[in-house]
Amino acid sequence: VICLDSDSDHTIGTDAEDDDSDDSSIEPQAPPMTIQHYRLGDTLRSTKDMEQFTAFGDTVQSIYALQLSEFAWVKRNSGDWTFCQLVERAKNDRGEEVMTFSVSEMGHRKSLRPSRWINMVRKCSPHVRSEYFRSVMISL
């Protein structure tokens, strides 16, 4: 445990000085990810910008948990992943819950039935932000 003086960033003491334990089992933490900004319709630049799970169930759960206004990735007909925003969840005439995404700043939309979600929708990684919000914050 590292204790910091509240008036400065200087270390004033650690518990490690008196600890003879072996720290070789402690894994180093990965450096924090740089915030990545995208605009609606932008193509995925790195697979690190989308959540990817090794377990199929975790992928399904993350997709089903998407909330209105959240940003996500939708696979387009070209095979590219596009930055988009979930704008509607509604039942179709078959009783299926359809997710509709805004896929461009011009208002283009893509609607997907549940049978297509697992292959065509991915949640954004936590370090991904909308360029729109970045410009709003800068102007404040």
Protein backbone atom coordinates (compact mmCIF):
# COMPACT_ATOMS: atom_id res chain seq x y z
CA VAL A 1 0.00 0.00 0.00
CA ILE A 2 1.37 3.39 -0.95
CA CYS A 3 0.43 6.41 1.14
CA LEU A 4 0.53 9.83 -0.44
CA ASP A 5 0.82 13.13 1.34
CA SER A 6 -2.48 14.89 0.63
CA ASP A 7 -0.69 18.17 -0.17
CA SER A 8 1.69 16.69 -2.72
CA ASP A 9 2.34 13.72 -4.95
CA HIS A 10 5.31 12.50 -2.90
CA THR A 11 5.32 9.02 -1.43
CA ILE A 12 5.64 9.17 2.32
CA GLY A 13 5.67 5.44 3.07
CA THR A 14 4.89 1.99 1.75
CA ASP A 15 4.06 -1.36 3.27
CA ALA A 16 6.41 -3.00 0.75
CA GLU A 17 9.50 -1.99 2.76
CA ASP A 18 8.57 -4.47 5.51
CA ASP A 19 7.12 -7.18 3.26
CA ASP A 20 9.33 -10.14 2.39
CA SER A 21 6.68 -11.84 0.22
CA ASP A 22 7.37 -12.89 -3.35
CA ASP A 23 5.68 -10.49 -5.82
CA SER A 24 6.46 -12.61 -8.89
CA SER A 25 2.84 -13.78 -9.11
CA ILE A 26 1.53 -10.23 -9.47
CA GLU A 27 0.78 -9.49 -13.09
CA PRO A 28 1.60 -6.01 -14.35
CA GLN A 29 -1.44 -3.96 -15.25
CA ALA A 30 -1.95 -3.02 -18.87
CA PRO A 31 -1.55 0.69 -19.56
CA PRO A 32 -4.86 2.56 -19.79
CA MET A 33 -6.36 2.73 -23.27
CA THR A 34 -6.33 6.07 -25.03
CA ILE A 35 -9.82 7.46 -25.59
CA GLN A 36 -10.87 6.82 -29.19
CA HIS A 37 -13.39 9.18 -30.79
CA TYR A 38 -15.67 8.15 -33.64
CA ARG A 39 -18.47 9.79 -35.61
CA LEU A 40 -21.62 8.00 -36.65
CA GLY A 41 -20.83 6.01 -39.77
CA ASP A 42 -17.08 5.75 -39.11
CA THR A 43 -15.48 2.38 -39.81
CA LEU A 44 -13.83 0.45 -37.00
CA ARG A 45 -10.12 1.34 -36.82
CA SER A 46 -9.05 -1.33 -34.33
CA THR A 47 -10.70 -4.45 -32.94
CA LYS A 48 -9.67 -3.15 -29.49
CA ASP A 49 -12.45 -0.58 -29.90
CA MET A 50 -15.18 -3.24 -29.67
CA GLU A 51 -15.91 -5.61 -26.83
CA GLN A 52 -14.94 -9.16 -27.71
CA PHE A 53 -15.63 -12.11 -25.47
CA THR A 54 -14.32 -15.65 -25.66
CA ALA A 55 -17.58 -17.04 -24.25
CA PHE A 56 -20.56 -16.98 -26.60
CA GLY A 57 -22.93 -16.30 -23.68
CA ASP A 58 -21.03 -13.15 -22.67
CA THR A 59 -21.31 -11.82 -26.23
CA VAL A 60 -25.05 -12.48 -26.29
CA GLN A 61 -25.54 -10.86 -22.87
CA SER A 62 -23.62 -7.70 -23.83
CA ILE A 63 -25.71 -7.27 -26.99
CA TYR A 64 -29.05 -7.86 -25.26
CA ALA A 65 -28.05 -5.36 -22.53
CA LEU A 66 -27.61 -2.46 -25.00
CA GLN A 67 -29.70 0.52 -23.91
CA LEU A 68 -31.25 3.31 -25.99
CA SER A 69 -28.71 6.02 -26.90
CA GLU A 70 -25.74 3.68 -26.34
CA PHE A 71 -23.10 3.50 -29.04
CA ALA A 72 -22.29 0.19 -30.69
CA TRP A 73 -20.80 -1.41 -33.80
CA VAL A 74 -23.01 -2.80 -36.56
CA LYS A 75 -21.67 -4.99 -39.34
CA ARG A 76 -22.65 -3.61 -42.73
CA ASN A 77 -23.29 -5.52 -45.95
CA SER A 78 -19.71 -4.72 -47.01
CA GLY A 79 -18.39 -6.60 -43.95
CA ASP A 80 -17.14 -3.39 -42.29
CA TRP A 81 -18.10 -2.56 -38.72
CA THR A 82 -19.74 0.89 -38.46
CA PHE A 83 -19.97 3.13 -35.40
CA CYS A 84 -23.64 3.72 -34.64
CA GLN A 85 -26.14 4.57 -31.92
CA LEU A 86 -29.10 2.52 -30.73
CA VAL A 87 -32.14 4.74 -31.31
CA GLU A 88 -35.07 2.36 -31.00
CA ARG A 89 -36.09 -1.03 -29.59
CA ALA A 90 -39.59 -2.00 -30.68
CA LYS A 91 -41.65 -5.11 -31.39
CA ASN A 92 -42.31 -5.94 -35.02
CA ASP A 93 -45.50 -7.57 -36.33
CA ARG A 94 -44.06 -11.01 -35.40
CA GLY A 95 -43.55 -9.94 -31.78
CA GLU A 96 -39.75 -9.84 -32.11
CA GLU A 97 -37.84 -7.01 -30.47
CA VAL A 98 -36.07 -5.16 -33.28
CA MET A 99 -33.09 -2.89 -32.60
CA THR A 100 -32.76 0.16 -34.86
CA PHE A 101 -29.44 1.96 -35.09
CA SER A 102 -28.56 5.37 -36.49
CA VAL A 103 -25.58 4.59 -38.73
CA SER A 104 -24.76 8.02 -40.13
CA GLU A 105 -24.97 11.69 -39.26
CA MET A 106 -27.40 12.05 -42.19
CA GLY A 107 -29.99 9.94 -40.36
CA HIS A 108 -29.56 6.60 -42.13
CA ARG A 109 -30.82 3.70 -40.05
CA LYS A 110 -30.36 -0.04 -39.89
CA SER A 111 -32.91 -2.29 -38.18
CA LEU A 112 -31.98 -5.78 -37.02
CA ARG A 113 -34.10 -8.67 -35.78
CA PRO A 114 -32.76 -10.75 -32.85
CA SER A 115 -31.62 -13.59 -35.14
CA ARG A 116 -29.06 -11.20 -36.65
CA TRP A 117 -27.81 -9.50 -33.47
CA ILE A 118 -25.15 -12.08 -32.58
CA ASN A 119 -23.42 -11.79 -35.97
CA MET A 120 -23.97 -8.10 -36.63
CA VAL A 121 -23.88 -6.15 -33.34
CA ARG A 122 -21.06 -5.52 -30.87
CA LYS A 123 -20.85 -3.20 -27.90
CA CYS A 124 -18.16 -0.49 -27.92
CA SER A 125 -15.17 -0.85 -25.62
CA PRO A 126 -15.27 1.47 -22.61
CA HIS A 127 -12.58 3.78 -24.08
CA VAL A 128 -14.66 4.61 -27.20
CA ARG A 129 -16.53 7.91 -27.30
CA SER A 130 -18.63 9.82 -29.79
CA GLU A 131 -16.88 12.69 -31.59
CA TYR A 132 -20.10 14.68 -31.12
CA PHE A 133 -19.71 14.65 -27.34
CA ARG A 134 -16.04 15.58 -27.66
CA SER A 135 -16.91 18.72 -29.66
CA VAL A 136 -19.68 19.64 -27.20
CA MET A 137 -17.27 19.33 -24.25
CA ILE A 138 -14.61 21.41 -26.01
CA SER A 139 -17.11 24.20 -26.70
CA LEU A 140 -18.17 24.38 -23.04
